[in-house]
Amino acid sequence: MANTPQSKKRARQNERRYAVNKARRSRIRTHLRKVEEAIASGDKDAAATALRAAQPELMRGVTKGVLHKNTAARKMSRLSSRVKALG
């Protein structure tokens, strides 16, 4: 348990940060799931639209420190190649 005033403050900050990061991660996963569903349905236009909406969310996750840069790049690359393969 936090005892000093500084450690109490850090605990409060960590709680807030955790909530914000959790919301961001959830938002990113939702966008990725929409792309996956569009790919599964075989609708190339919907998949491309969903991918265009997901890309800024992924990059925002990188700048906010929720995702690593290479992780986001890998996810984008794999999704875009799968969308491109639809036809």
C-alpha atoms as a PDB file:
ATOM      1  CA  MET A   1       0.000   0.000   0.000  1.00  0.00           C
ATOM      2  CA  ALA A   2       1.198   3.518  -0.813  1.00  0.00           C
ATOM      3  CA  ASN A   3       2.374   5.390   2.281  1.00  0.00           C
ATOM      4  CA  THR A   4       4.131   8.581   1.250  1.00  0.00           C
ATOM      5  CA  PRO A   5       2.217  11.459  -0.341  1.00  0.00           C
ATOM      6  CA  GLN A   6       4.220  11.008  -3.552  1.00  0.00           C
ATOM      7  CA  SER A   7       3.430   7.294  -3.792  1.00  0.00           C
ATOM      8  CA  LYS A   8      -0.265   8.022  -3.143  1.00  0.00           C
ATOM      9  CA  LYS A   9      -0.244  10.562  -5.955  1.00  0.00           C
ATOM     10  CA  ARG A  10       1.507   8.095  -8.271  1.00  0.00           C
ATOM     11  CA  ALA A  11      -1.147   5.482  -7.472  1.00  0.00           C
ATOM     12  CA  ARG A  12      -3.895   7.968  -8.414  1.00  0.00           C
ATOM     13  CA  GLN A  13      -2.088   8.892 -11.632  1.00  0.00           C
ATOM     14  CA  ASN A  14      -1.586   5.239 -12.520  1.00  0.00           C
ATOM     15  CA  GLU A  15      -5.301   4.539 -12.102  1.00  0.00           C
ATOM     16  CA  ARG A  16      -6.229   7.395 -14.439  1.00  0.00           C
ATOM     17  CA  ARG A  17      -3.584   6.410 -16.983  1.00  0.00           C
ATOM     18  CA  TYR A  18      -4.753   2.774 -16.867  1.00  0.00           C
ATOM     19  CA  ALA A  19      -8.352   3.801 -17.598  1.00  0.00           C
ATOM     20  CA  VAL A  20      -7.327   6.020 -20.524  1.00  0.00           C
ATOM     21  CA  ASN A  21      -5.023   3.383 -22.028  1.00  0.00           C
ATOM     22  CA  LYS A  22      -7.675   0.690 -21.599  1.00  0.00           C
ATOM     23  CA  ALA A  23     -10.198   2.823 -23.496  1.00  0.00           C
ATOM     24  CA  ARG A  24      -7.683   3.470 -26.277  1.00  0.00           C
ATOM     25  CA  ARG A  25      -6.802  -0.222 -26.578  1.00  0.00           C
ATOM     26  CA  SER A  26     -10.486  -1.115 -26.711  1.00  0.00           C
ATOM     27  CA  ARG A  27     -11.107   1.475 -29.433  1.00  0.00           C
ATOM     28  CA  ILE A  28      -8.226   0.109 -31.516  1.00  0.00           C
ATOM     29  CA  ARG A  29      -9.432  -3.471 -31.115  1.00  0.00           C
ATOM     30  CA  THR A  30     -12.951  -2.455 -32.169  1.00  0.00           C
ATOM     31  CA  HIS A  31     -11.632  -0.921 -35.391  1.00  0.00           C
ATOM     32  CA  LEU A  32      -9.482  -3.986 -36.092  1.00  0.00           C
ATOM     33  CA  ARG A  33     -12.456  -6.272 -35.478  1.00  0.00           C
ATOM     34  CA  LYS A  34     -14.531  -4.294 -37.996  1.00  0.00           C
ATOM     35  CA  VAL A  35     -11.834  -4.843 -40.618  1.00  0.00           C
ATOM     36  CA  GLU A  36     -11.674  -8.568 -39.778  1.00  0.00           C
ATOM     37  CA  GLU A  37     -15.455  -8.897 -40.091  1.00  0.00           C
ATOM     38  CA  ALA A  38     -15.478  -7.108 -43.444  1.00  0.00           C
ATOM     39  CA  ILE A  39     -12.707  -9.406 -44.704  1.00  0.00           C
ATOM     40  CA  ALA A  40     -14.603 -12.467 -43.458  1.00  0.00           C
ATOM     41  CA  SER A  41     -17.751 -11.351 -45.264  1.00  0.00           C
ATOM     42  CA  GLY A  42     -15.745 -10.951 -48.477  1.00  0.00           C
ATOM     43  CA  ASP A  43     -16.801  -7.331 -49.066  1.00  0.00           C
ATOM     44  CA  LYS A  44     -13.706  -5.610 -50.447  1.00  0.00           C
ATOM     45  CA  ASP A  45     -15.166  -2.084 -50.397  1.00  0.00           C
ATOM     46  CA  ALA A  46     -16.298  -2.365 -46.784  1.00  0.00           C
ATOM     47  CA  ALA A  47     -12.959  -3.900 -45.793  1.00  0.00           C
ATOM     48  CA  ALA A  48     -11.014  -1.101 -47.483  1.00  0.00           C
ATOM     49  CA  THR A  49     -13.182   1.536 -45.801  1.00  0.00           C
ATOM     50  CA  ALA A  50     -12.791  -0.122 -42.405  1.00  0.00           C
ATOM     51  CA  LEU A  51      -9.023  -0.371 -42.925  1.00  0.00           C
ATOM     52  CA  ARG A  52      -8.791   3.346 -43.764  1.00  0.00           C
ATOM     53  CA  ALA A  53     -10.670   4.091 -40.524  1.00  0.00           C
ATOM     54  CA  ALA A  54      -8.456   1.729 -38.501  1.00  0.00           C
ATOM     55  CA  GLN A  55      -5.087   3.079 -39.677  1.00  0.00           C
ATOM     56  CA  PRO A  56      -5.237   6.436 -37.868  1.00  0.00           C
ATOM     57  CA  GLU A  57      -6.454   4.682 -34.723  1.00  0.00           C
ATOM     58  CA  LEU A  58      -3.464   2.339 -34.806  1.00  0.00           C
ATOM     59  CA  MET A  59      -1.026   5.194 -35.343  1.00  0.00           C
ATOM     60  CA  ARG A  60      -2.661   7.193 -32.562  1.00  0.00           C
ATOM     61  CA  GLY A  61      -2.100   4.201 -30.300  1.00  0.00           C
ATOM     62  CA  VAL A  62       1.581   4.345 -31.201  1.00  0.00           C
ATOM     63  CA  THR A  63       1.949   8.056 -30.465  1.00  0.00           C
ATOM     64  CA  LYS A  64       0.107   7.673 -27.163  1.00  0.00           C
ATOM     65  CA  GLY A  65       2.326   4.779 -26.102  1.00  0.00           C
ATOM     66  CA  VAL A  66      -0.372   2.095 -26.083  1.00  0.00           C
ATOM     67  CA  LEU A  67       1.194   0.102 -28.937  1.00  0.00           C
ATOM     68  CA  HIS A  68       4.737  -0.347 -30.170  1.00  0.00           C
ATOM     69  CA  LYS A  69       5.464   1.165 -33.577  1.00  0.00           C
ATOM     70  CA  ASN A  70       6.450  -2.160 -35.154  1.00  0.00           C
ATOM     71  CA  THR A  71       3.350  -3.889 -33.773  1.00  0.00           C
ATOM     72  CA  ALA A  72       1.090  -1.328 -35.410  1.00  0.00           C
ATOM     73  CA  ALA A  73       3.043  -1.514 -38.659  1.00  0.00           C
ATOM     74  CA  ARG A  74       2.808  -5.317 -38.665  1.00  0.00           C
ATOM     75  CA  LYS A  75      -0.943  -5.275 -38.034  1.00  0.00           C
ATOM     76  CA  MET A  76      -1.519  -2.685 -40.765  1.00  0.00           C
ATOM     77  CA  SER A  77       0.643  -4.561 -43.243  1.00  0.00           C
ATOM     78  CA  ARG A  78      -1.081  -7.898 -42.644  1.00  0.00           C
ATOM     79  CA  LEU A  79      -4.572  -6.409 -42.809  1.00  0.00           C
ATOM     80  CA  SER A  80      -3.854  -4.420 -45.960  1.00  0.00           C
ATOM     81  CA  SER A  81      -2.436  -7.472 -47.717  1.00  0.00           C
ATOM     82  CA  ARG A  82      -5.538  -9.471 -46.763  1.00  0.00           C
ATOM     83  CA  VAL A  83      -7.827  -6.682 -48.023  1.00  0.00           C
ATOM     84  CA  LYS A  84      -5.837  -6.497 -51.243  1.00  0.00           C
ATOM     85  CA  ALA A  85      -6.180 -10.268 -51.695  1.00  0.00           C
ATOM     86  CA  LEU A  86      -9.993 -10.005 -51.651  1.00  0.00           C
ATOM     87  CA  GLY A  87     -11.366  -9.851 -55.038  1.00  0.00           C
END
